[in-house]
């Protein structure tokens, strides 16, 4: 089981690296939003999607390893949390490393959540500003299209004098 714990720690460390990478990209994303740099924002979104894909793969590995560990321990895998695993490893060398990696992962996820919430607020504000600007532009444009003499004549029923009417 020590080997599975070592693998779990390795996967969690990789997840920390990917989350740290996402955090850095999210900070750059914030700057791109603030500076209205759409090209940079698109590049960052693409990079983030690649890192998220890598992280999803790691998460599947982590879940699989936890399931294997739970099976060895005779526990249902859905009930095995990191805290419980740390308790089960009490007094063993893996305990401290699991605690440390778990805290690091929790901390970076929290930081990532905070920056993503900020970016979402900035994007919402940018969208509100664009909508406000569009509404302001619409209100300065003439509410009715200009009327042309032929259209006006039809509308008021006078028929207007066109070359077709003159030939009758």
N, C-alpha and C. Protein backbone atom coordinates (compact mmCIF):
# COMPACT_ATOMS: atom_id res chain seq x y z
N UNK A 1 0.81 -1.19 0.00
CA UNK A 1 0.00 0.00 0.00
C UNK A 1 0.86 1.26 0.00
N UNK A 2 2.05 1.17 0.56
CA UNK A 2 2.96 2.33 0.59
C UNK A 2 3.24 2.83 -0.82
N UNK A 3 3.33 1.91 -1.77
CA UNK A 3 3.56 2.28 -3.17
C UNK A 3 2.40 3.08 -3.74
N UNK A 4 1.18 2.68 -3.38
CA UNK A 4 0.00 3.41 -3.86
C UNK A 4 -0.07 4.81 -3.24
N UNK A 5 0.32 4.91 -1.98
CA UNK A 5 0.34 6.22 -1.32
C UNK A 5 1.37 7.11 -2.00
N UNK A 6 2.52 6.54 -2.33
CA UNK A 6 3.57 7.29 -3.03
C UNK A 6 3.07 7.78 -4.38
N UNK A 7 2.35 6.91 -5.09
CA UNK A 7 1.78 7.31 -6.39
C UNK A 7 0.74 8.42 -6.20
N UNK A 8 -0.09 8.27 -5.16
CA UNK A 8 -1.10 9.28 -4.88
C UNK A 8 -0.45 10.64 -4.60
N UNK A 9 0.60 10.63 -3.80
CA UNK A 9 1.31 11.87 -3.48
C UNK A 9 1.90 12.48 -4.76
N UNK A 10 2.45 11.64 -5.63
CA UNK A 10 3.04 12.12 -6.88
C UNK A 10 1.97 12.77 -7.76
N UNK A 11 0.81 12.14 -7.85
CA UNK A 11 -0.29 12.70 -8.66
C UNK A 11 -0.75 14.02 -8.06
N UNK A 12 -0.87 14.07 -6.74
CA UNK A 12 -1.31 15.31 -6.09
C UNK A 12 -0.29 16.43 -6.28
N UNK A 13 0.99 16.10 -6.27
CA UNK A 13 2.02 17.11 -6.51
C UNK A 13 1.91 17.64 -7.94
N UNK A 14 1.63 16.75 -8.87
CA UNK A 14 1.43 17.19 -10.26
C UNK A 14 0.21 18.09 -10.36
N UNK A 15 -0.84 17.73 -9.61
CA UNK A 15 -2.04 18.58 -9.61
C UNK A 15 -1.71 19.96 -9.05
N UNK A 16 -0.89 20.01 -8.03
CA UNK A 16 -0.47 21.30 -7.47
C UNK A 16 0.24 22.12 -8.54
N UNK A 17 1.12 21.47 -9.30
CA UNK A 17 1.84 22.16 -10.38
C UNK A 17 0.87 22.69 -11.42
N UNK A 18 -0.10 21.88 -11.83
CA UNK A 18 -1.07 22.32 -12.84
C UNK A 18 -1.94 23.45 -12.30
N UNK A 19 -2.37 23.33 -11.04
CA UNK A 19 -3.17 24.40 -10.45
C UNK A 19 -2.36 25.69 -10.32
N UNK A 20 -1.09 25.57 -10.00
CA UNK A 20 -0.22 26.74 -9.91
C UNK A 20 -0.08 27.38 -11.29
N UNK A 21 0.05 26.55 -12.30
CA UNK A 21 0.12 27.04 -13.68
C UNK A 21 -1.18 27.75 -14.04
N UNK A 22 -2.32 27.16 -13.68
CA UNK A 22 -3.61 27.80 -13.94
C UNK A 22 -3.72 29.13 -13.21
N UNK A 23 -3.20 29.18 -12.00
CA UNK A 23 -3.24 30.43 -11.22
C UNK A 23 -2.46 31.53 -11.95
N UNK A 24 -1.27 31.18 -12.42
CA UNK A 24 -0.47 32.16 -13.17
C UNK A 24 -1.18 32.63 -14.42
N UNK A 25 -1.79 31.69 -15.15
CA UNK A 25 -2.53 32.05 -16.36
C UNK A 25 -3.74 32.92 -16.01
N UNK A 26 -4.37 32.64 -14.88
CA UNK A 26 -5.53 33.43 -14.45
C UNK A 26 -5.12 34.85 -14.08
N UNK A 27 -3.93 35.01 -13.50
CA UNK A 27 -3.44 36.36 -13.20
C UNK A 27 -3.19 37.12 -14.51
N UNK A 28 -2.61 36.44 -15.50
CA UNK A 28 -2.40 37.08 -16.80
C UNK A 28 -3.75 37.39 -17.45
N UNK A 29 -4.71 36.50 -17.26
CA UNK A 29 -6.04 36.70 -17.81
C UNK A 29 -6.68 37.96 -17.21
N UNK A 30 -6.48 38.16 -15.92
CA UNK A 30 -7.01 39.36 -15.25
C UNK A 30 -6.44 40.61 -15.92
N UNK A 31 -5.13 40.62 -16.17
CA UNK A 31 -4.50 41.77 -16.81
C UNK A 31 -5.05 41.98 -18.22
N UNK A 32 -5.26 40.89 -18.95
CA UNK A 32 -5.80 40.99 -20.31
C UNK A 32 -7.22 41.56 -20.28
N UNK A 33 -8.00 41.16 -19.29
CA UNK A 33 -9.37 41.68 -19.17
C UNK A 33 -9.33 43.17 -18.86
N UNK A 34 -8.48 43.55 -17.90
CA UNK A 34 -8.38 44.95 -17.50
C UNK A 34 -7.92 45.82 -18.67
N UNK A 35 -6.98 45.31 -19.47
CA UNK A 35 -6.44 46.08 -20.59
C UNK A 35 -7.21 45.86 -21.89
N UNK A 36 -8.30 45.11 -21.80
CA UNK A 36 -9.16 44.84 -22.96
C UNK A 36 -8.36 44.25 -24.13
N UNK A 37 -7.43 43.35 -23.82
CA UNK A 37 -6.59 42.71 -24.83
C UNK A 37 -7.23 41.38 -25.23
N UNK A 38 -8.12 41.44 -26.20
CA UNK A 38 -8.91 40.28 -26.61
C UNK A 38 -8.02 39.17 -27.18
N UNK A 39 -7.02 39.53 -27.97
CA UNK A 39 -6.13 38.50 -28.54
C UNK A 39 -5.40 37.74 -27.45
N UNK A 40 -4.85 38.47 -26.48
CA UNK A 40 -4.15 37.82 -25.37
C UNK A 40 -5.11 36.98 -24.54
N UNK A 41 -6.29 37.49 -24.35
CA UNK A 41 -7.30 36.76 -23.58
C UNK A 41 -7.64 35.43 -24.26
N UNK A 42 -7.78 35.44 -25.57
CA UNK A 42 -8.08 34.21 -26.31
C UNK A 42 -6.93 33.21 -26.19
N UNK A 43 -5.69 33.69 -26.29
CA UNK A 43 -4.53 32.80 -26.13
C UNK A 43 -4.52 32.18 -24.74
N UNK A 44 -4.80 32.99 -23.73
CA UNK A 44 -4.79 32.50 -22.35
C UNK A 44 -5.91 31.48 -22.12
N UNK A 45 -7.07 31.72 -22.69
CA UNK A 45 -8.18 30.77 -22.55
C UNK A 45 -7.78 29.43 -23.18
N UNK A 46 -7.15 29.48 -24.33
CA UNK A 46 -6.69 28.23 -24.98
C UNK A 46 -5.66 27.51 -24.13
N UNK A 47 -4.71 28.25 -23.57
CA UNK A 47 -3.70 27.64 -22.70
C UNK A 47 -4.34 27.04 -21.44
N UNK A 48 -5.27 27.79 -20.86
CA UNK A 48 -5.95 27.29 -19.67
C UNK A 48 -6.72 26.01 -19.98
N UNK A 49 -7.35 25.94 -21.13
CA UNK A 49 -8.08 24.73 -21.50
C UNK A 49 -7.15 23.52 -21.61
N UNK A 50 -5.95 23.73 -22.13
CA UNK A 50 -4.98 22.64 -22.21
C UNK A 50 -4.57 22.17 -20.81
N UNK A 51 -4.31 23.11 -19.92
CA UNK A 51 -3.90 22.77 -18.56
C UNK A 51 -5.06 22.09 -17.81
N UNK A 52 -6.26 22.56 -18.03
CA UNK A 52 -7.43 21.94 -17.40
C UNK A 52 -7.59 20.51 -17.89
N UNK A 53 -7.35 20.28 -19.15
CA UNK A 53 -7.42 18.93 -19.70
C UNK A 53 -6.39 18.02 -19.02
N UNK A 54 -5.18 18.53 -18.83
CA UNK A 54 -4.14 17.76 -18.13
C UNK A 54 -4.58 17.48 -16.69
N UNK A 55 -5.16 18.49 -16.06
CA UNK A 55 -5.59 18.33 -14.67
C UNK A 55 -6.73 17.33 -14.55
N UNK A 56 -7.63 17.30 -15.54
CA UNK A 56 -8.71 16.32 -15.53
C UNK A 56 -8.16 14.90 -15.59
N UNK A 57 -7.12 14.72 -16.40
CA UNK A 57 -6.47 13.41 -16.49
C UNK A 57 -5.87 13.03 -15.13
N UNK A 58 -5.22 13.98 -14.48
CA UNK A 58 -4.64 13.74 -13.16
C UNK A 58 -5.71 13.42 -12.13
N UNK A 59 -6.82 14.12 -12.21
CA UNK A 59 -7.91 13.88 -11.26
C UNK A 59 -8.45 12.46 -11.41
N UNK A 60 -8.56 11.99 -12.64
CA UNK A 60 -9.01 10.61 -12.86
C UNK A 60 -8.02 9.62 -12.25
N UNK A 61 -6.73 9.91 -12.40
CA UNK A 61 -5.70 9.06 -11.79
C UNK A 61 -5.84 9.08 -10.27
N UNK A 62 -6.04 10.26 -9.70
CA UNK A 62 -6.15 10.39 -8.26
C UNK A 62 -7.35 9.60 -7.74
N UNK A 63 -8.49 9.74 -8.40
CA UNK A 63 -9.70 9.03 -7.99
C UNK A 63 -9.49 7.52 -8.09
N UNK A 64 -8.85 7.10 -9.15
CA UNK A 64 -8.56 5.67 -9.32
C UNK A 64 -7.65 5.14 -8.21
N UNK A 65 -6.61 5.91 -7.89
CA UNK A 65 -5.70 5.50 -6.81
C UNK A 65 -6.42 5.44 -5.46
N UNK A 66 -7.25 6.42 -5.18
CA UNK A 66 -8.01 6.42 -3.92
C UNK A 66 -8.93 5.19 -3.89
N UNK A 67 -9.53 4.87 -5.01
CA UNK A 67 -10.37 3.67 -5.09
C UNK A 67 -9.57 2.41 -4.82
N UNK A 68 -8.36 2.33 -5.38
CA UNK A 68 -7.50 1.16 -5.15
C UNK A 68 -7.10 1.07 -3.68
N UNK A 69 -6.76 2.21 -3.09
CA UNK A 69 -6.37 2.24 -1.67
C UNK A 69 -7.55 1.82 -0.80
N UNK A 70 -8.73 2.33 -1.12
CA UNK A 70 -9.93 1.98 -0.35
C UNK A 70 -10.19 0.48 -0.46
N UNK A 71 -10.00 -0.06 -1.64
CA UNK A 71 -10.20 -1.50 -1.84
C UNK A 71 -9.25 -2.31 -0.97
N UNK A 72 -7.99 -1.92 -0.94
CA UNK A 72 -6.99 -2.61 -0.12
C UNK A 72 -7.38 -2.53 1.37
N UNK A 73 -7.93 -1.38 1.76
CA UNK A 73 -8.32 -1.19 3.16
C UNK A 73 -9.70 -1.78 3.47
N UNK A 74 -10.40 -2.24 2.44
CA UNK A 74 -11.73 -2.81 2.64
C UNK A 74 -12.80 -1.77 2.89
N UNK A 75 -12.61 -0.58 2.34
CA UNK A 75 -13.57 0.52 2.50
C UNK A 75 -14.21 0.86 1.16
N UNK A 76 -15.45 1.37 1.20
CA UNK A 76 -16.02 1.87 -0.06
C UNK A 76 -15.25 3.13 -0.49
N UNK A 77 -14.85 3.20 -1.76
CA UNK A 77 -14.00 4.30 -2.21
C UNK A 77 -14.66 5.67 -2.09
N UNK A 78 -15.98 5.74 -2.21
CA UNK A 78 -16.64 7.05 -2.11
C UNK A 78 -16.57 7.62 -0.70
N UNK A 79 -16.30 6.76 0.27
CA UNK A 79 -16.25 7.21 1.66
C UNK A 79 -14.84 7.58 2.11
N UNK A 80 -13.83 7.36 1.28
CA UNK A 80 -12.46 7.61 1.70
C UNK A 80 -12.02 9.01 1.29
N UNK A 81 -11.92 9.86 2.29
CA UNK A 81 -11.45 11.23 2.05
C UNK A 81 -9.96 11.30 2.38
N UNK A 82 -9.34 12.40 2.00
CA UNK A 82 -7.93 12.59 2.30
C UNK A 82 -7.71 12.63 3.81
N UNK A 83 -8.61 13.28 4.53
CA UNK A 83 -8.47 13.34 5.99
C UNK A 83 -8.50 11.95 6.61
N UNK A 84 -9.42 11.12 6.12
CA UNK A 84 -9.50 9.76 6.64
C UNK A 84 -8.25 8.97 6.30
N UNK A 85 -7.75 9.16 5.10
CA UNK A 85 -6.54 8.46 4.69
C UNK A 85 -5.36 8.89 5.56
N UNK A 86 -5.29 10.16 5.87
CA UNK A 86 -4.21 10.66 6.74
C UNK A 86 -4.34 10.02 8.13
N UNK A 87 -5.56 9.93 8.62
CA UNK A 87 -5.77 9.28 9.93
C UNK A 87 -5.32 7.82 9.89
N UNK A 88 -5.64 7.14 8.78
CA UNK A 88 -5.25 5.73 8.65
C UNK A 88 -3.73 5.57 8.56
N UNK A 89 -3.05 6.62 8.10
CA UNK A 89 -1.59 6.58 7.95
C UNK A 89 -0.88 7.11 9.19
N UNK A 90 -1.63 7.38 10.24
CA UNK A 90 -1.05 7.95 11.47
C UNK A 90 0.16 7.14 11.92
N UNK A 91 1.24 7.88 12.17
CA UNK A 91 2.46 7.26 12.66
C UNK A 91 3.35 6.68 11.57
N UNK A 92 2.86 6.67 10.35
CA UNK A 92 3.65 6.14 9.23
C UNK A 92 4.32 7.30 8.51
N UNK A 93 5.42 7.03 7.81
CA UNK A 93 6.14 8.12 7.13
C UNK A 93 5.27 8.87 6.10
N UNK A 94 4.30 8.19 5.51
CA UNK A 94 3.45 8.81 4.49
C UNK A 94 2.51 9.86 5.06
N UNK A 95 2.24 9.78 6.37
CA UNK A 95 1.27 10.68 6.99
C UNK A 95 1.64 12.15 6.77
N UNK A 96 2.85 12.53 7.10
CA UNK A 96 3.26 13.93 7.00
C UNK A 96 3.25 14.41 5.55
N UNK A 97 3.71 13.59 4.65
CA UNK A 97 3.74 13.99 3.24
C UNK A 97 2.32 14.17 2.71
N UNK A 98 1.41 13.27 3.09
CA UNK A 98 0.01 13.42 2.68
C UNK A 98 -0.59 14.71 3.23
N UNK A 99 -0.31 15.00 4.50
CA UNK A 99 -0.82 16.23 5.11
C UNK A 99 -0.31 17.45 4.35
N UNK A 100 1.00 17.48 4.11
CA UNK A 100 1.63 18.62 3.44
C UNK A 100 1.07 18.83 2.03
N UNK A 101 1.01 17.76 1.27
CA UNK A 101 0.52 17.86 -0.10
C UNK A 101 -0.96 18.23 -0.11
N UNK A 102 -1.71 17.68 0.83
CA UNK A 102 -3.14 18.01 0.92
C UNK A 102 -3.35 19.48 1.22
N UNK A 103 -2.56 20.04 2.15
CA UNK A 103 -2.68 21.46 2.47
C UNK A 103 -2.27 22.33 1.29
N UNK A 104 -1.19 21.96 0.61
CA UNK A 104 -0.74 22.74 -0.56
C UNK A 104 -1.81 22.74 -1.65
N UNK A 105 -2.39 21.58 -1.90
CA UNK A 105 -3.41 21.47 -2.93
C UNK A 105 -4.64 22.30 -2.55
N UNK A 106 -5.06 22.22 -1.31
CA UNK A 106 -6.21 22.99 -0.85
C UNK A 106 -5.93 24.50 -0.97
N UNK A 107 -4.71 24.92 -0.60
CA UNK A 107 -4.36 26.34 -0.66
C UNK A 107 -4.36 26.87 -2.09
N UNK A 108 -3.77 26.13 -3.01
CA UNK A 108 -3.71 26.62 -4.40
C UNK A 108 -5.10 26.60 -5.03
N UNK A 109 -5.92 25.64 -4.69
CA UNK A 109 -7.28 25.60 -5.21
C UNK A 109 -8.06 26.81 -4.70
N UNK A 110 -7.86 27.17 -3.44
CA UNK A 110 -8.54 28.34 -2.88
C UNK A 110 -8.08 29.62 -3.58
N UNK A 111 -6.78 29.76 -3.80
CA UNK A 111 -6.26 30.94 -4.51
C UNK A 111 -6.81 31.00 -5.93
N UNK A 112 -6.87 29.86 -6.58
CA UNK A 112 -7.38 29.77 -7.94
C UNK A 112 -8.86 30.16 -7.98
N UNK A 113 -9.61 29.72 -7.00
CA UNK A 113 -11.03 30.07 -6.92
C UNK A 113 -11.18 31.59 -6.76
N UNK A 114 -10.36 32.19 -5.91
CA UNK A 114 -10.45 33.63 -5.68
C UNK A 114 -10.15 34.43 -6.95
N UNK A 115 -9.08 34.07 -7.67
CA UNK A 115 -8.74 34.83 -8.88
C UNK A 115 -9.79 34.59 -9.97
N UNK A 116 -10.33 33.38 -10.04
CA UNK A 116 -11.37 33.11 -11.04
C UNK A 116 -12.65 33.89 -10.72
N UNK A 117 -12.98 34.01 -9.43
CA UNK A 117 -14.14 34.82 -9.04
C UNK A 117 -13.91 36.29 -9.43
N UNK A 118 -12.70 36.79 -9.19
CA UNK A 118 -12.38 38.17 -9.56
C UNK A 118 -12.48 38.35 -11.08
N UNK A 119 -11.93 37.41 -11.84
CA UNK A 119 -12.00 37.50 -13.30
C UNK A 119 -13.45 37.47 -13.78
N UNK A 120 -14.27 36.65 -13.15
CA UNK A 120 -15.68 36.58 -13.52
C UNK A 120 -16.35 37.94 -13.26
N UNK A 121 -16.03 38.57 -12.13
CA UNK A 121 -16.59 39.89 -11.82
C UNK A 121 -16.13 40.93 -12.83
N UNK A 122 -14.85 40.87 -13.20
CA UNK A 122 -14.33 41.81 -14.19
C UNK A 122 -15.01 41.62 -15.55
N UNK A 123 -15.19 40.37 -15.94
CA UNK A 123 -15.87 40.09 -17.22
C UNK A 123 -17.33 40.55 -17.16
N UNK A 124 -18.00 40.30 -16.04
CA UNK A 124 -19.38 40.76 -15.90
C UNK A 124 -19.45 42.28 -16.02
N UNK A 125 -18.50 42.98 -15.39
CA UNK A 125 -18.47 44.45 -15.47
C UNK A 125 -18.20 44.90 -16.90
N UNK A 126 -17.29 44.20 -17.59
CA UNK A 126 -16.99 44.56 -18.97
C UNK A 126 -18.22 44.35 -19.85
N UNK A 127 -18.94 43.28 -19.63
CA UNK A 127 -20.15 43.01 -20.41
C UNK A 127 -21.20 44.08 -20.13
N UNK A 128 -21.37 44.45 -18.86
CA UNK A 128 -22.33 45.51 -18.52
C UNK A 128 -21.95 46.81 -19.20
N UNK A 129 -20.65 47.13 -19.23
CA UNK A 129 -20.20 48.36 -19.87
C UNK A 129 -20.50 48.33 -21.37
N UNK A 130 -20.24 47.20 -22.00
CA UNK A 130 -20.51 47.08 -23.44
C UNK A 130 -22.01 47.24 -23.70
N UNK A 131 -22.84 46.59 -22.89
CA UNK A 131 -24.28 46.72 -23.07
C UNK A 131 -24.74 48.17 -22.86
N UNK A 132 -24.18 48.82 -21.84
CA UNK A 132 -24.50 50.22 -21.59
C UNK A 132 -24.10 51.08 -22.79
N UNK A 133 -22.90 50.84 -23.30
CA UNK A 133 -22.40 51.60 -24.45
C UNK A 133 -23.28 51.38 -25.67
N UNK A 134 -23.67 50.14 -25.92
CA UNK A 134 -24.54 49.85 -27.06
C UNK A 134 -25.89 50.55 -26.91
N UNK A 135 -26.44 50.50 -25.71
CA UNK A 135 -27.72 51.19 -25.48
C UNK A 135 -27.58 52.69 -25.67
N UNK A 136 -26.47 53.26 -25.21
CA UNK A 136 -26.24 54.70 -25.39
C UNK A 136 -26.12 55.03 -26.87
N UNK A 137 -25.42 54.19 -27.62
CA UNK A 137 -25.30 54.42 -29.06
C UNK A 137 -26.65 54.32 -29.76
N UNK A 138 -27.43 53.33 -29.37
CA UNK A 138 -28.75 53.15 -29.98
C UNK A 138 -29.64 54.36 -29.73
N UNK A 139 -29.53 54.93 -28.55
CA UNK A 139 -30.40 56.06 -28.22
C UNK A 139 -29.99 57.33 -28.97
N UNK A 140 -28.74 57.41 -29.44
CA UNK A 140 -28.32 58.60 -30.19
C UNK A 140 -28.64 58.47 -31.67
N UNK A 141 -28.91 57.27 -32.11
CA UNK A 141 -29.27 57.05 -33.51
C UNK A 141 -30.75 57.37 -33.67
N UNK A 142 -31.13 57.95 -34.83
CA UNK A 142 -32.52 58.32 -35.08
C UNK A 142 -33.41 57.10 -34.86
N UNK A 143 -34.48 57.26 -34.09
CA UNK A 143 -35.35 56.13 -33.80
C UNK A 143 -36.09 55.61 -35.03
N UNK A 144 -36.30 56.46 -36.05
CA UNK A 144 -36.99 56.03 -37.26
C UNK A 144 -36.05 56.18 -38.44
N UNK A 145 -36.15 55.28 -39.39
CA UNK A 145 -35.34 55.45 -40.60
C UNK A 145 -35.84 56.68 -41.37
N UNK A 146 -34.97 57.33 -42.10
CA UNK A 146 -35.42 58.52 -42.86
C UNK A 146 -36.47 58.12 -43.89
N UNK A 147 -37.42 59.04 -44.12
CA UNK A 147 -38.47 58.74 -45.09
C UNK A 147 -38.10 59.33 -46.44
N UNK A 148 -38.33 58.54 -47.44
CA UNK A 148 -38.09 58.99 -48.80
C UNK A 148 -39.41 59.40 -49.41
N UNK A 149 -39.41 60.30 -50.39
CA UNK A 149 -40.68 60.83 -50.94
C UNK A 149 -41.64 59.74 -51.41
N UNK A 150 -41.16 58.70 -52.08
CA UNK A 150 -42.05 57.66 -52.59
C UNK A 150 -42.67 56.89 -51.44
N UNK A 151 -41.90 56.60 -50.42
CA UNK A 151 -42.41 55.86 -49.27
C UNK A 151 -43.41 56.71 -48.52
N UNK A 152 -43.14 58.01 -48.41
CA UNK A 152 -44.05 58.90 -47.70
C UNK A 152 -45.37 59.02 -48.45
N UNK A 153 -45.30 59.09 -49.76
CA UNK A 153 -46.51 59.21 -50.57
C UNK A 153 -47.39 57.97 -50.39
N UNK A 154 -46.78 56.79 -50.37
CA UNK A 154 -47.55 55.57 -50.18
C UNK A 154 -48.19 55.56 -48.80
N UNK A 155 -47.43 56.01 -47.81
CA UNK A 155 -47.91 55.96 -46.44
C UNK A 155 -49.09 56.90 -46.22
N UNK A 156 -49.06 58.09 -46.84
CA UNK A 156 -50.16 59.03 -46.59
C UNK A 156 -51.29 58.89 -47.61
N UNK A 157 -51.15 57.96 -48.56
CA UNK A 157 -52.23 57.66 -49.49
C UNK A 157 -52.29 58.57 -50.70
N UNK A 158 -51.39 59.54 -50.83
CA UNK A 158 -51.45 60.46 -51.95
C UNK A 158 -50.97 59.81 -53.24
N UNK A 159 -50.32 58.71 -53.13
CA UNK A 159 -49.90 57.99 -54.32
C UNK A 159 -48.65 58.53 -54.93
N UNK A 160 -48.40 59.80 -54.85
CA UNK A 160 -47.19 60.39 -55.41
C UNK A 160 -47.20 60.31 -56.92
N UNK A 161 -46.43 61.13 -57.55
CA UNK A 161 -46.38 61.13 -59.02
C UNK A 161 -45.14 60.40 -59.44
N UNK A 162 -45.33 59.20 -59.92
CA UNK A 162 -44.19 58.45 -60.43
C UNK A 162 -44.37 58.32 -61.93
N UNK A 163 -43.33 57.94 -62.62
CA UNK A 163 -43.41 57.82 -64.08
C UNK A 163 -44.39 56.73 -64.47
N UNK A 164 -44.58 55.73 -63.61
CA UNK A 164 -45.53 54.67 -63.93
C UNK A 164 -46.97 55.18 -63.85
N UNK A 165 -47.23 56.04 -62.85
CA UNK A 165 -48.58 56.59 -62.70
C UNK A 165 -48.90 57.55 -63.84
N UNK A 166 -47.91 58.25 -64.34
CA UNK A 166 -48.13 59.24 -65.37
C UNK A 166 -48.51 58.57 -66.69
N UNK A 167 -48.12 57.34 -66.90
CA UNK A 167 -48.39 56.68 -68.17
C UNK A 167 -49.79 56.10 -68.24
N UNK A 168 -50.54 56.13 -67.24
CA UNK A 168 -51.88 55.56 -67.27
C UNK A 168 -52.82 56.34 -68.07
